[in-house]
Amino acid sequence: MKPTVKLLQLVSALCVAAAVIFLWRLFTSVDIYREPLSGVESSNTIFSLWWLALAAAGILVVIDWLVSRGDSAIRVQRKLPHSLSLGVYAQVQIDIENSSRRDLVIELTELHCDAVDSKGLPLKFSISANSTKVLKYTIYPKDRGAAQFNKTWFRITSRWGFWRHNHFIENAEVVKVYPNFAPIAQSASVTLEHQIARMGIHLQQRRGAGSDFHQLREFREGDAMRQIDWNATSRHHKPIARDYQDEKDQDVFFLLDCGRRLRGKDADLSFFDHALNAVLLTSYIALRQGDGVGLMSFSADQQRWLTPLKHPARINAVMNQLYDLQSTTKASDYLEVAQAFLSKRKKRALVVIITSVREEDASDLQEAIKLLSRQHMVMIASLRDNYFDEKIEEPVANLSSALSCCAITDYLKSRSLVLAKIKTMGALITDALPSQLHIKLVQEYLKLKRSGRF
């Protein structure tokens, strides 16, 4: 329990009154020879009134303290969303129940981790006797992972406003903050081709040109001659074509680099967050296509391994593996991760290494690709730092900017040579800015599926 400003003002007023009375008594004692009796009597009267006011104020303050000690009949319940999305505002509901016999004035706030920003706290409100109230405030998740909400703290102003009673409620909760996958989840009811078009992915429409036989049907205008089934044509006395579909029941494995290469920032998201978005989107598309999705992280504090899953609903399992994964300051050892992956996985799969390729990675990455390519199809999904793209477009105004431009040009050229060398080894390359990686990776995956190579 703490005193309020009102009580401090009352005490200050009494102190000022005491000082005035003291000065008055001092003045009357100096002028005692002028009006001795009247001065002393006036001084004593004022002094008595001050003591009376002090006693009355003290009684009021004590009564207010005693009466307000029972103002703890308050129930507070927090209602959090089941999960949160990174960078998406959400609301937290607070249900208040006042079981006391008087109206209360309350100030309430919540203690939570730094990974979440809150707006609208503290909440200041009044609540009637024997009633309930619903309050809300807004939160903004800044980091993925487990967001911790700790105690709820509130204080109640006493009946006459002289005291404030502090209360804590132990109601710790943890809510998961996922990558922002809402745009994909919201479009789950439309067809795959429509989803792709909405994301800006443009694919050539084609019919029956996959690698898995689907059915026989009548030959139509636009079909290739190689689709004609001559035996069926002779039996039915009309052109019959074979209809194919994209090959299914394949596995896509993501080897996700959690090292220092992906700690850069692009606006509000890190390169690593963009990489996670690319993994989630491509996983979702692959699961919708009937393929399995697996995952292995490397250069992380906690290594993650996800055995290939199938069925679109299993995207939740992928998200649960990734939501609290963070980048580290560790160096990336591509050869080591290739050896670790091959020790766990023998069956052929599409292995997608998500990283940020640099010139110094050339030998290590090439050895890893050579090792993986013996059993698997390999794709390198590399994030290109947008800083260099922006700097290279700046006008050259002086010697310093000219030297900087030359250095960046040399860096980008050497990086392109590394990617070209990797491509000659048979690996597929997806090189994109962080904000475009998810679209480029899906494009390459679907292009590969429709080529019949996977």
Protein backbone atom coordinates (compact mmCIF):
# COMPACT_ATOMS: atom_id res chain seq x y z
CA MET A 1 0.00 0.00 0.00
CA LYS A 2 1.31 3.42 -0.95
CA PRO A 3 0.08 6.99 -0.34
CA THR A 4 -1.54 8.83 -3.21
CA VAL A 5 -0.86 12.37 -4.38
CA LYS A 6 -4.01 13.40 -2.55
CA LEU A 7 -2.60 12.21 0.79
CA LEU A 8 0.74 13.89 0.11
CA GLN A 9 -1.07 17.13 -0.69
CA LEU A 10 -3.01 16.87 2.59
CA VAL A 11 0.18 16.32 4.58
CA SER A 12 1.82 19.23 2.77
CA ALA A 13 -1.14 21.48 3.59
CA LEU A 14 -0.96 20.55 7.28
CA CYS A 15 2.79 21.22 7.33
CA VAL A 16 2.28 24.63 5.74
CA ALA A 17 -0.43 25.40 8.30
CA ALA A 18 1.91 24.37 11.13
CA ALA A 19 4.62 26.66 9.79
CA VAL A 20 2.18 29.57 9.56
CA ILE A 21 0.98 28.98 13.15
CA PHE A 22 4.56 28.83 14.40
CA LEU A 23 5.35 32.16 12.75
CA TRP A 24 2.13 33.63 14.14
CA ARG A 25 2.98 32.55 17.68
CA LEU A 26 6.47 33.98 17.25
CA PHE A 27 4.99 37.27 16.03
CA THR A 28 2.51 37.48 18.91
CA SER A 29 5.26 36.82 21.45
CA VAL A 30 7.29 39.73 20.06
CA ASP A 31 4.30 42.11 20.18
CA ILE A 32 3.15 40.94 23.65
CA TYR A 33 3.47 44.48 25.13
CA ARG A 34 0.98 45.90 22.64
CA GLU A 35 -2.00 43.53 23.18
CA PRO A 36 -0.80 40.77 25.42
CA LEU A 37 -4.05 39.00 26.18
CA SER A 38 -5.72 39.13 22.78
CA GLY A 39 -2.56 38.02 20.95
CA VAL A 40 -1.99 35.01 23.14
CA GLU A 41 -5.64 33.96 23.04
CA SER A 42 -5.75 34.20 19.23
CA SER A 43 -2.57 32.21 18.92
CA ASN A 44 -3.86 29.47 21.22
CA THR A 45 -7.16 29.30 19.34
CA ILE A 46 -5.47 28.88 15.97
CA PHE A 47 -3.09 26.31 17.43
CA SER A 48 -6.03 24.31 18.82
CA LEU A 49 -7.78 24.42 15.47
CA TRP A 50 -4.65 23.09 13.78
CA TRP A 51 -4.47 20.16 16.20
CA LEU A 52 -8.14 19.47 15.62
CA ALA A 53 -7.63 19.46 11.84
CA LEU A 54 -4.61 17.19 12.20
CA ALA A 55 -6.55 14.73 14.34
CA ALA A 56 -9.51 14.72 11.93
CA ALA A 57 -7.25 14.19 8.93
CA GLY A 58 -5.40 11.40 10.71
CA ILE A 59 -8.64 9.65 11.61
CA LEU A 60 -9.90 9.93 8.02
CA VAL A 61 -6.64 8.56 6.60
CA VAL A 62 -6.56 5.64 9.05
CA ILE A 63 -10.23 4.79 8.43
CA ASP A 64 -9.62 4.97 4.68
CA TRP A 65 -6.69 2.58 5.07
CA LEU A 66 -8.64 0.13 7.26
CA VAL A 67 -11.75 0.12 5.07
CA SER A 68 -9.80 -0.26 1.82
CA ARG A 69 -7.79 -3.26 2.97
CA GLY A 70 -10.69 -5.46 1.90
CA ASP A 71 -10.62 -4.21 -1.70
CA SER A 72 -8.93 -7.35 -3.00
CA ALA A 73 -12.05 -9.12 -4.25
CA ILE A 74 -10.87 -8.68 -7.84
CA ARG A 75 -10.49 -11.47 -10.38
CA VAL A 76 -8.38 -10.88 -13.49
CA GLN A 77 -8.21 -13.30 -16.41
CA ARG A 78 -5.98 -12.79 -19.45
CA LYS A 79 -7.03 -14.23 -22.83
CA LEU A 80 -4.21 -14.50 -25.36
CA PRO A 81 -4.49 -15.53 -29.01
CA HIS A 82 -3.65 -19.19 -29.59
CA SER A 83 -0.57 -18.06 -31.55
CA LEU A 84 0.95 -14.86 -32.91
CA SER A 85 2.46 -13.95 -36.26
CA LEU A 86 5.68 -12.01 -36.56
CA GLY A 87 5.04 -8.35 -37.33
CA VAL A 88 1.24 -8.65 -37.11
CA TYR A 89 -0.73 -6.70 -34.51
CA ALA A 90 -2.95 -8.72 -32.17
CA GLN A 91 -5.20 -8.00 -29.22
CA VAL A 92 -5.08 -9.32 -25.67
CA GLN A 93 -8.33 -9.44 -23.71
CA ILE A 94 -8.46 -8.82 -19.96
CA ASP A 95 -11.62 -9.89 -18.10
CA ILE A 96 -12.13 -8.06 -14.78
CA GLU A 97 -14.62 -9.13 -12.10
CA ASN A 98 -15.29 -6.86 -9.10
CA SER A 99 -16.86 -8.86 -6.23
CA SER A 100 -16.55 -6.04 -3.70
CA ARG A 101 -19.40 -3.84 -2.46
CA ARG A 102 -18.13 -0.55 -3.85
CA ASP A 103 -17.07 1.02 -7.11
CA LEU A 104 -13.34 0.81 -7.73
CA VAL A 105 -10.80 2.90 -9.61
CA ILE A 106 -8.05 0.63 -10.97
CA GLU A 107 -4.80 1.02 -12.89
CA LEU A 108 -3.63 -2.23 -14.56
CA THR A 109 -0.59 -3.27 -16.56
CA GLU A 110 1.00 -6.52 -17.77
CA LEU A 111 4.59 -7.71 -17.52
CA HIS A 112 5.82 -9.40 -20.70
CA CYS A 113 9.07 -10.19 -22.50
CA ASP A 114 10.96 -7.77 -24.74
CA ALA A 115 10.03 -9.78 -27.85
CA VAL A 116 6.60 -8.14 -27.75
CA ASP A 117 5.68 -4.45 -27.80
CA SER A 118 2.41 -3.36 -26.20
CA LYS A 119 0.18 -0.37 -26.84
CA GLY A 120 -2.50 0.92 -24.48
CA LEU A 121 -0.84 -0.02 -21.19
CA PRO A 122 -1.31 0.83 -18.39
CA LEU A 123 -5.12 0.59 -18.46
CA LYS A 124 -6.92 3.08 -16.21
CA PHE A 125 -10.62 2.45 -15.58
CA SER A 126 -13.42 2.34 -13.04
CA ILE A 127 -15.63 -0.67 -12.38
CA SER A 128 -18.93 -0.79 -10.52
CA ALA A 129 -19.59 -2.97 -7.49
CA ASN A 130 -20.43 -6.63 -8.23
CA SER A 131 -19.88 -6.25 -11.96
CA THR A 132 -17.55 -7.34 -14.75
CA LYS A 133 -15.59 -5.45 -17.37
CA VAL A 134 -13.78 -6.47 -20.56
CA LEU A 135 -10.64 -4.57 -21.54
CA LYS A 136 -8.28 -4.96 -24.49
CA TYR A 137 -4.83 -3.79 -25.44
CA THR A 138 -2.69 -4.28 -28.55
CA ILE A 139 0.55 -6.22 -28.87
CA TYR A 140 3.11 -6.31 -31.67
CA PRO A 141 5.46 -9.33 -31.88
CA LYS A 142 9.00 -8.27 -32.86
CA ASP A 143 10.75 -11.65 -32.66
CA ARG A 144 9.81 -15.23 -33.39
CA GLY A 145 9.84 -17.86 -30.68
CA ALA A 146 8.15 -18.24 -27.31
CA ALA A 147 6.71 -14.96 -26.04
CA GLN A 148 6.46 -14.94 -22.25
CA PHE A 149 3.65 -13.09 -20.47
CA ASN A 150 4.30 -12.90 -16.73
CA LYS A 151 2.36 -11.25 -13.90
CA THR A 152 -0.61 -8.95 -14.15
CA TRP A 153 -0.07 -5.95 -11.89
CA PHE A 154 -2.83 -3.59 -10.79
CA ARG A 155 -3.43 -1.04 -8.07
CA ILE A 156 -6.71 0.06 -6.52
CA THR A 157 -7.37 3.56 -5.22
CA SER A 158 -8.95 3.60 -1.74
CA ARG A 159 -12.47 4.87 -1.04
CA TRP A 160 -11.41 8.43 -0.20
CA GLY A 161 -8.39 8.45 -2.46
CA PHE A 162 -5.63 8.56 0.17
CA TRP A 163 -4.08 5.13 -0.56
CA ARG A 164 -3.26 2.85 -3.45
CA HIS A 165 -3.14 -0.90 -2.91
CA ASN A 166 -0.76 -2.84 -5.20
CA HIS A 167 -1.66 -6.37 -6.28
CA PHE A 168 0.08 -9.01 -8.42
CA ILE A 169 -1.56 -12.00 -10.04
CA GLU A 170 0.64 -14.96 -10.97
CA ASN A 171 -0.73 -15.87 -14.38
CA ALA A 172 2.36 -16.61 -16.47
CA GLU A 173 1.67 -17.84 -20.01
CA VAL A 174 3.70 -18.58 -23.12
CA VAL A 175 2.43 -18.02 -26.66
CA LYS A 176 4.23 -19.04 -29.83
CA VAL A 177 5.22 -16.36 -32.34
CA TYR A 178 5.33 -17.89 -35.82
CA PRO A 179 6.66 -16.49 -39.08
CA ASN A 180 3.91 -14.55 -40.83
CA PHE A 181 2.32 -17.33 -42.87
CA ALA A 182 -1.14 -15.73 -42.97
CA PRO A 183 -1.17 -14.87 -46.72
CA ILE A 184 -0.75 -18.56 -47.53
CA ALA A 185 -3.23 -19.82 -44.95
CA GLN A 186 -5.88 -17.34 -46.07
CA SER A 187 -5.69 -18.59 -49.65
CA ALA A 188 -5.95 -22.29 -48.79
CA SER A 189 -9.45 -22.54 -50.25
CA VAL A 190 -8.48 -21.55 -53.79
CA THR A 191 -6.68 -23.67 -56.34
CA LEU A 192 -2.91 -23.97 -56.44
CA GLU A 193 -2.62 -22.19 -59.77
CA HIS A 194 -4.64 -19.24 -58.46
CA GLN A 195 -2.49 -19.03 -55.35
CA ILE A 196 0.64 -18.94 -57.49
CA ALA A 197 -0.77 -16.25 -59.75
CA ARG A 198 -1.70 -14.07 -56.76
CA MET A 199 1.89 -14.26 -55.55
CA GLY A 200 3.22 -13.03 -58.86
CA ILE A 201 4.52 -16.40 -60.06
CA HIS A 202 3.87 -16.78 -63.78
CA LEU A 203 4.00 -20.25 -65.26
CA GLN A 204 3.19 -21.44 -68.74
CA GLN A 205 -0.11 -23.29 -68.69
CA ARG A 206 0.15 -26.78 -70.04
CA ARG A 207 -1.98 -29.92 -70.15
CA GLY A 208 -0.97 -33.50 -69.65
CA ALA A 209 2.76 -32.96 -69.92
CA GLY A 210 4.03 -34.36 -66.67
CA SER A 211 6.02 -37.53 -66.19
CA ASP A 212 3.48 -39.76 -64.40
CA PHE A 213 0.77 -41.45 -66.51
CA HIS A 214 -2.68 -40.25 -65.44
CA GLN A 215 -5.32 -41.43 -67.94
CA LEU A 216 -6.30 -41.99 -71.57
CA ARG A 217 -8.55 -39.45 -73.28
CA GLU A 218 -9.50 -38.20 -76.72
CA PHE A 219 -6.84 -36.34 -78.64
CA ARG A 220 -7.46 -32.58 -78.47
CA GLU A 221 -6.18 -29.61 -80.37
CA GLY A 222 -2.88 -28.51 -78.89
CA ASP A 223 -1.79 -31.99 -77.77
CA ALA A 224 1.67 -33.15 -78.82
CA MET A 225 1.95 -36.01 -81.31
CA ARG A 226 4.09 -37.94 -78.82
CA GLN A 227 1.06 -38.16 -76.52
CA ILE A 228 -0.88 -40.35 -78.96
CA ASP A 229 -1.38 -43.93 -77.78
CA TRP A 230 -1.41 -45.80 -81.10
CA ASN A 231 -2.71 -49.07 -79.66
CA ALA A 232 -5.69 -47.34 -78.04
CA THR A 233 -6.21 -45.30 -81.21
CA SER A 234 -6.47 -48.45 -83.34
CA ARG A 235 -8.91 -50.05 -80.91
CA HIS A 236 -11.24 -47.05 -80.71
CA HIS A 237 -10.80 -45.95 -84.35
CA LYS A 238 -10.12 -42.38 -83.26
CA PRO A 239 -7.10 -40.53 -81.90
CA ILE A 240 -6.50 -41.32 -78.21
CA ALA A 241 -3.89 -39.44 -76.18
CA ARG A 242 -2.08 -40.27 -72.99
CA ASP A 243 -2.63 -37.73 -70.21
CA TYR A 244 0.24 -37.23 -67.79
CA GLN A 245 0.52 -35.45 -64.47
CA ASP A 246 3.40 -34.06 -62.48
CA GLU A 247 5.32 -36.75 -60.65
CA LYS A 248 4.31 -37.09 -57.02
CA ASP A 249 5.55 -38.86 -53.93
CA GLN A 250 9.00 -37.26 -54.08
CA ASP A 251 10.83 -35.74 -51.11
CA VAL A 252 12.15 -32.19 -50.79
CA PHE A 253 14.77 -31.64 -48.09
CA PHE A 254 15.74 -28.17 -46.92
CA LEU A 255 19.21 -27.71 -45.43
CA LEU A 256 18.78 -24.39 -43.63
CA ASP A 257 21.85 -22.30 -42.83
CA CYS A 258 21.45 -20.73 -39.37
CA GLY A 259 24.93 -19.21 -39.33
CA ARG A 260 26.14 -15.63 -39.38
CA ARG A 261 25.62 -15.21 -43.14
CA LEU A 262 21.88 -14.74 -42.60
CA ARG A 263 22.03 -12.23 -39.76
CA GLY A 264 21.70 -9.23 -42.06
CA LYS A 265 18.57 -7.06 -42.10
CA ASP A 266 16.17 -6.17 -44.89
CA ALA A 267 13.73 -3.57 -43.55
CA ASP A 268 11.96 -5.11 -40.54
CA LEU A 269 12.93 -8.72 -41.27
CA SER A 270 16.30 -10.41 -41.07
CA PHE A 271 17.68 -12.47 -43.95
CA PHE A 272 17.01 -15.51 -41.80
CA ASP A 273 13.33 -14.61 -41.47
CA HIS A 274 13.11 -14.27 -45.26
CA ALA A 275 14.75 -17.69 -45.57
CA LEU A 276 12.15 -19.17 -43.21
CA ASN A 277 9.34 -17.63 -45.26
CA ALA A 278 10.80 -19.22 -48.40
CA VAL A 279 11.01 -22.62 -46.69
CA LEU A 280 7.43 -22.41 -45.44
CA LEU A 281 5.95 -21.30 -48.74
CA THR A 282 7.83 -23.88 -50.80
CA SER A 283 6.96 -26.56 -48.24
CA TYR A 284 3.30 -25.64 -48.49
CA ILE A 285 3.35 -25.82 -52.29
CA ALA A 286 5.30 -29.10 -52.25
CA LEU A 287 2.86 -30.69 -49.81
CA ARG A 288 -0.04 -29.57 -52.01
CA GLN A 289 1.72 -31.20 -54.95
CA GLY A 290 1.87 -34.52 -53.10
CA ASP A 291 5.58 -34.39 -52.27
CA GLY A 292 7.11 -34.92 -48.84
CA VAL A 293 8.98 -32.16 -47.01
CA GLY A 294 11.94 -32.68 -44.67
CA LEU A 295 14.25 -30.29 -42.89
CA MET A 296 17.71 -30.14 -41.39
CA SER A 297 19.28 -27.06 -39.82
CA PHE A 298 23.00 -26.43 -39.48
CA SER A 299 25.21 -23.89 -37.70
CA ALA A 300 22.41 -23.55 -35.15
CA ASP A 301 22.49 -23.66 -31.36
CA GLN A 302 20.00 -26.51 -31.50
CA GLN A 303 20.09 -28.73 -34.57
CA ARG A 304 16.68 -29.57 -36.03
CA TRP A 305 15.78 -32.65 -38.05
CA LEU A 306 12.36 -33.24 -39.56
CA THR A 307 11.63 -36.55 -41.27
CA PRO A 308 9.76 -36.04 -44.57
CA LEU A 309 6.06 -35.38 -44.05
CA LYS A 310 3.22 -35.60 -46.53
CA HIS A 311 -0.27 -34.11 -46.71
CA PRO A 312 -0.88 -30.33 -46.75
CA ALA A 313 -2.06 -30.31 -43.11
CA ARG A 314 1.46 -31.24 -42.01
CA ILE A 315 2.63 -27.70 -42.76
CA ASN A 316 1.92 -27.08 -39.05
CA ALA A 317 4.63 -29.59 -38.14
CA VAL A 318 7.10 -27.68 -40.33
CA MET A 319 6.13 -24.40 -38.67
CA ASN A 320 6.54 -25.89 -35.19
CA GLN A 321 10.08 -26.93 -36.12
CA LEU A 322 10.98 -23.47 -37.38
CA TYR A 323 9.11 -20.89 -35.31
CA ASP A 324 11.74 -20.55 -32.56
CA LEU A 325 14.82 -21.24 -34.67
CA GLN A 326 17.27 -18.33 -34.59
CA SER A 327 20.40 -17.42 -36.52
CA THR A 328 23.74 -17.60 -34.72
CA THR A 329 27.24 -16.18 -35.10
CA LYS A 330 28.70 -19.55 -36.08
CA ALA A 331 30.52 -20.16 -39.36
CA SER A 332 28.84 -22.48 -41.87
CA ASP A 333 30.57 -25.76 -42.67
CA TYR A 334 28.87 -27.06 -45.84
CA LEU A 335 30.95 -30.21 -46.13
CA GLU A 336 30.16 -31.20 -42.56
CA VAL A 337 26.42 -30.74 -43.04
CA ALA A 338 26.53 -32.72 -46.30
CA GLN A 339 28.19 -35.64 -44.54
CA ALA A 340 25.72 -35.44 -41.65
CA PHE A 341 22.78 -35.40 -44.05
CA LEU A 342 24.03 -38.39 -46.06
CA SER A 343 24.45 -40.38 -42.86
CA LYS A 344 20.73 -39.94 -42.16
CA ARG A 345 19.22 -39.93 -45.64
CA LYS A 346 19.88 -42.47 -48.39
CA LYS A 347 16.78 -42.25 -50.60
CA ARG A 348 17.02 -39.82 -53.50
CA ALA A 349 15.52 -36.38 -52.84
CA LEU A 350 15.69 -32.78 -53.93
CA VAL A 351 18.12 -31.16 -51.47
CA VAL A 352 17.72 -27.38 -51.21
CA ILE A 353 20.57 -25.61 -49.40
CA ILE A 354 19.38 -22.20 -48.24
CA THR A 355 22.31 -19.90 -47.52
CA SER A 356 24.10 -16.78 -48.72
CA VAL A 357 26.91 -17.76 -51.09
CA ARG A 358 30.18 -15.83 -50.99
CA GLU A 359 33.52 -16.19 -52.73
CA GLU A 360 35.25 -17.66 -49.69
CA ASP A 361 32.69 -20.50 -49.67
CA ALA A 362 33.68 -21.78 -53.12
CA SER A 363 35.82 -24.80 -52.27
CA ASP A 364 33.83 -25.99 -49.24
CA LEU A 365 30.47 -25.60 -50.98
CA GLN A 366 31.66 -27.29 -54.16
CA GLU A 367 32.91 -30.29 -52.18
CA ALA A 368 29.54 -30.52 -50.43
CA ILE A 369 27.66 -30.36 -53.74
CA LYS A 370 29.90 -33.01 -55.26
CA LEU A 371 29.19 -35.29 -52.31
CA LEU A 372 25.43 -34.71 -52.27
CA SER A 373 25.03 -35.00 -56.06
CA ARG A 374 26.02 -38.66 -56.00
CA GLN A 375 22.66 -39.57 -54.49
CA HIS A 376 20.47 -36.48 -54.65
CA MET A 377 19.43 -33.57 -56.85
CA VAL A 378 20.91 -30.39 -55.37
CA MET A 379 19.61 -26.82 -55.47
CA ILE A 380 21.34 -23.79 -53.97
CA ALA A 381 18.97 -21.04 -52.83
CA SER A 382 21.21 -18.05 -52.16
CA LEU A 383 20.17 -14.74 -50.65
CA ARG A 384 21.82 -11.74 -52.29
CA ASP A 385 22.46 -8.83 -49.95
CA ASN A 386 20.35 -5.90 -51.15
CA TYR A 387 22.93 -3.48 -49.70
CA PHE A 388 25.28 -4.11 -52.63
CA ASP A 389 22.52 -3.72 -55.21
CA GLU A 390 21.58 -0.37 -53.70
CA LYS A 391 25.18 0.88 -53.45
CA ILE A 392 26.05 -0.05 -57.02
CA GLU A 393 23.18 2.17 -58.24
CA GLU A 394 24.39 5.25 -56.37
CA PRO A 395 26.08 7.96 -58.46
CA VAL A 396 29.87 8.22 -58.23
CA ALA A 397 30.56 11.68 -56.80
CA ASN A 398 34.12 11.46 -55.45
CA LEU A 399 37.15 9.23 -55.10
CA SER A 400 35.76 7.44 -52.05
CA SER A 401 32.50 6.49 -53.78
CA ALA A 402 34.46 5.43 -56.89
CA LEU A 403 36.65 3.08 -54.85
CA SER A 404 33.57 1.73 -53.08
CA CYS A 405 31.85 1.12 -56.42
CA CYS A 406 34.89 -0.74 -57.77
CA ALA A 407 35.11 -2.92 -54.65
CA ILE A 408 31.41 -3.82 -54.81
CA THR A 409 31.61 -4.56 -58.53
CA ASP A 410 34.58 -6.84 -57.94
CA TYR A 411 32.75 -8.60 -55.09
CA LEU A 412 29.60 -9.18 -57.15
CA LYS A 413 31.65 -10.44 -60.09
CA SER A 414 33.53 -12.96 -57.95
CA ARG A 415 30.27 -14.08 -56.40
CA SER A 416 28.73 -14.61 -59.84
CA LEU A 417 31.73 -16.71 -60.85
CA VAL A 418 31.22 -18.93 -57.80
CA LEU A 419 27.54 -19.44 -58.68
CA ALA A 420 28.43 -20.15 -62.31
CA LYS A 421 30.97 -22.76 -61.21
CA ILE A 422 28.36 -24.41 -58.99
CA LYS A 423 25.93 -24.49 -61.90
CA THR A 424 28.45 -26.32 -64.09
CA MET A 425 28.56 -29.02 -61.42
CA GLY A 426 24.90 -29.80 -62.13
CA ALA A 427 23.37 -27.97 -59.18
CA LEU A 428 20.34 -25.75 -59.68
CA ILE A 429 20.75 -22.11 -58.66
CA THR A 430 18.21 -19.70 -57.18
CA ASP A 431 19.84 -16.35 -56.50
CA ALA A 432 17.49 -13.66 -55.23
CA LEU A 433 17.12 -10.67 -52.96
CA PRO A 434 15.85 -11.66 -49.50
CA SER A 435 12.37 -10.24 -50.10
CA GLN A 436 12.05 -12.16 -53.38
CA LEU A 437 13.50 -15.50 -52.34
CA HIS A 438 10.16 -17.15 -51.53
CA ILE A 439 8.77 -16.42 -55.00
CA LYS A 440 11.96 -17.40 -56.85
CA LEU A 441 12.28 -20.65 -54.91
CA VAL A 442 8.70 -21.70 -55.65
CA GLN A 443 9.24 -20.84 -59.32
CA GLU A 444 12.30 -23.07 -59.52
CA TYR A 445 10.58 -25.90 -57.68
CA LEU A 446 7.54 -25.88 -59.98
CA LYS A 447 9.73 -25.46 -63.05
CA LEU A 448 11.68 -28.53 -61.96
CA LYS A 449 8.50 -30.50 -61.34
CA ARG A 450 7.12 -29.68 -64.76
CA SER A 451 10.36 -30.52 -66.51
CA GLY A 452 9.98 -34.13 -65.42
CA ARG A 453 13.46 -34.23 -63.89
CA PHE A 454 12.02 -34.54 -60.38
